[in-house]
Structure formats: C-alpha cells, structure tokens
Amino acid sequence: MKLFIIGRNEVLFSTFEYLCRQNEHQVVAVITAKARPEYEKTEEDFRVLAEKCGARFYQTQVINETARKVVRESGDRKSVV
C-alpha cells in the first residue's frame, strides 16, 4: 500500500520509522511543518528519514493545501493519507 505521512509529532515519526523498516508498504511522501520549540523531532528529522526511505519531502506552513496537491499529483487513487 502507498502511504503519505502528513503531520508533525513524535508518535507520527515513530510510526514512519516503523513503516520504513517494513517491506509491506511504500511511503510516497512526507508533508510536515516547521517544528515548534517543544517538539523533540524536528522537520530535519522527518527530512532525513524521508530521504532514507525514498519518499518525497515537503515542508510547508499550509499542510492541508500542500497535501491535497501532492496526493492529486501522485495520480494514485489507492494511496492512504
């Protein structure tokens, strides 16, 4: 299954790490925003993991708009967001 990682927190990052270790799913893209000071994981952590997993990386302050655009441009109607 093709997946999109959209958001910005430690639980999502841990899930993303887990998915990257599995061969069952493909993370297509990661869409996140600049980290707030209280977050342990930064946008750079997400970028590095996206690169390692072969996923496209997007950092934006308008996550919903960017997510719609990226999903639409992927052309895959069976992806999970």
C-alpha atoms as a PDB file:
ATOM      1  CA  MET A   1       0.000   0.000   0.000  1.00  0.00           C
ATOM      2  CA  LYS A   2       1.215   3.520  -0.769  1.00  0.00           C
ATOM      3  CA  LEU A   3       1.117   5.928   2.166  1.00  0.00           C
ATOM      4  CA  PHE A   4       1.523   9.637   2.807  1.00  0.00           C
ATOM      5  CA  ILE A   5       2.915  10.836   6.150  1.00  0.00           C
ATOM      6  CA  ILE A   6       1.220  14.144   6.958  1.00  0.00           C
ATOM      7  CA  GLY A   7       1.800  15.949  10.213  1.00  0.00           C
ATOM      8  CA  ARG A   8       4.392  16.635  12.811  1.00  0.00           C
ATOM      9  CA  ASN A   9       4.726  14.821  16.116  1.00  0.00           C
ATOM     10  CA  GLU A  10       6.793  12.133  17.821  1.00  0.00           C
ATOM     11  CA  VAL A  11       4.150   9.401  17.506  1.00  0.00           C
ATOM     12  CA  LEU A  12       3.885  10.009  13.762  1.00  0.00           C
ATOM     13  CA  PHE A  13       7.681   9.975  13.458  1.00  0.00           C
ATOM     14  CA  SER A  14       7.872   6.624  15.280  1.00  0.00           C
ATOM     15  CA  THR A  15       5.168   5.211  13.015  1.00  0.00           C
ATOM     16  CA  PHE A  16       7.067   6.485   9.980  1.00  0.00           C
ATOM     17  CA  GLU A  17      10.273   4.811  11.233  1.00  0.00           C
ATOM     18  CA  TYR A  18       8.384   1.536  11.681  1.00  0.00           C
ATOM     19  CA  LEU A  19       6.851   1.706   8.201  1.00  0.00           C
ATOM     20  CA  CYS A  20      10.262   2.355   6.659  1.00  0.00           C
ATOM     21  CA  ARG A  21      11.609  -0.841   8.213  1.00  0.00           C
ATOM     22  CA  GLN A  22       8.755  -2.900   6.773  1.00  0.00           C
ATOM     23  CA  ASN A  23       8.597  -4.063   3.183  1.00  0.00           C
ATOM     24  CA  GLU A  24       4.810  -4.212   3.085  1.00  0.00           C
ATOM     25  CA  HIS A  25       4.121  -0.526   2.403  1.00  0.00           C
ATOM     26  CA  GLN A  26       5.657   2.351   0.468  1.00  0.00           C
ATOM     27  CA  VAL A  27       5.791   5.832   1.978  1.00  0.00           C
ATOM     28  CA  VAL A  28       5.352   8.069  -1.083  1.00  0.00           C
ATOM     29  CA  ALA A  29       5.698  11.489   0.541  1.00  0.00           C
ATOM     30  CA  VAL A  30       6.166  13.248   3.847  1.00  0.00           C
ATOM     31  CA  ILE A  31       4.444  16.592   4.406  1.00  0.00           C
ATOM     32  CA  THR A  32       5.285  18.489   7.567  1.00  0.00           C
ATOM     33  CA  ALA A  33       5.745  21.966   9.019  1.00  0.00           C
ATOM     34  CA  LYS A  34       8.482  23.726  10.952  1.00  0.00           C
ATOM     35  CA  ALA A  35       8.824  22.212  14.404  1.00  0.00           C
ATOM     36  CA  ARG A  36       7.705  24.149  17.446  1.00  0.00           C
ATOM     37  CA  PRO A  37      10.300  24.516  20.224  1.00  0.00           C
ATOM     38  CA  GLU A  38       8.635  21.899  22.459  1.00  0.00           C
ATOM     39  CA  TYR A  39       8.860  19.122  19.839  1.00  0.00           C
ATOM     40  CA  GLU A  40      11.627  16.556  20.182  1.00  0.00           C
ATOM     41  CA  LYS A  41      11.589  15.678  16.473  1.00  0.00           C
ATOM     42  CA  THR A  42      12.272  18.476  14.021  1.00  0.00           C
ATOM     43  CA  GLU A  43      11.434  18.905  10.362  1.00  0.00           C
ATOM     44  CA  GLU A  44      15.063  17.931   9.697  1.00  0.00           C
ATOM     45  CA  ASP A  45      14.476  14.538  11.357  1.00  0.00           C
ATOM     46  CA  PHE A  46      11.493  13.976   9.055  1.00  0.00           C
ATOM     47  CA  ARG A  47      13.536  15.082   6.021  1.00  0.00           C
ATOM     48  CA  VAL A  48      16.406  12.720   6.795  1.00  0.00           C
ATOM     49  CA  LEU A  49      14.073   9.768   7.308  1.00  0.00           C
ATOM     50  CA  ALA A  50      12.147  10.599   4.134  1.00  0.00           C
ATOM     51  CA  GLU A  51      15.398  10.585   2.185  1.00  0.00           C
ATOM     52  CA  LYS A  52      16.430   7.282   3.757  1.00  0.00           C
ATOM     53  CA  CYS A  53      13.066   5.722   2.846  1.00  0.00           C
ATOM     54  CA  GLY A  54      12.960   7.125  -0.681  1.00  0.00           C
ATOM     55  CA  ALA A  55       9.977   9.380  -0.013  1.00  0.00           C
ATOM     56  CA  ARG A  56       9.499  12.919  -1.301  1.00  0.00           C
ATOM     57  CA  PHE A  57       9.717  15.568   1.426  1.00  0.00           C
ATOM     58  CA  TYR A  58       7.665  18.756   1.706  1.00  0.00           C
ATOM     59  CA  GLN A  59       7.943  21.379   4.444  1.00  0.00           C
ATOM     60  CA  THR A  60       5.159  23.929   4.417  1.00  0.00           C
ATOM     61  CA  GLN A  61       3.027  26.065   6.690  1.00  0.00           C
ATOM     62  CA  VAL A  62      -0.084  25.187   4.660  1.00  0.00           C
ATOM     63  CA  ILE A  63      -0.166  21.429   5.163  1.00  0.00           C
ATOM     64  CA  ASN A  64      -3.757  20.824   4.013  1.00  0.00           C
ATOM     65  CA  GLU A  65      -3.301  22.668   0.724  1.00  0.00           C
ATOM     66  CA  THR A  66       0.058  21.022   0.048  1.00  0.00           C
ATOM     67  CA  ALA A  67      -1.307  17.577   0.943  1.00  0.00           C
ATOM     68  CA  ARG A  68      -4.206  17.904  -1.496  1.00  0.00           C
ATOM     69  CA  LYS A  69      -1.817  18.994  -4.243  1.00  0.00           C
ATOM     70  CA  VAL A  70       0.725  16.212  -3.608  1.00  0.00           C
ATOM     71  CA  VAL A  71      -1.942  13.489  -3.428  1.00  0.00           C
ATOM     72  CA  ARG A  72      -3.611  14.791  -6.597  1.00  0.00           C
ATOM     73  CA  GLU A  73      -0.288  14.948  -8.447  1.00  0.00           C
ATOM     74  CA  SER A  74       0.619  11.410  -7.383  1.00  0.00           C
ATOM     75  CA  GLY A  75      -2.208  10.141  -9.593  1.00  0.00           C
ATOM     76  CA  ASP A  76      -2.601   7.107  -7.352  1.00  0.00           C
ATOM     77  CA  ARG A  77      -6.221   6.676  -6.307  1.00  0.00           C
ATOM     78  CA  LYS A  78      -5.391   3.861  -3.886  1.00  0.00           C
ATOM     79  CA  SER A  79      -2.985   5.718  -1.605  1.00  0.00           C
ATOM     80  CA  VAL A  80      -3.722   6.201   2.072  1.00  0.00           C
ATOM     81  CA  VAL A  81      -3.361   9.619   3.634  1.00  0.00           C
END
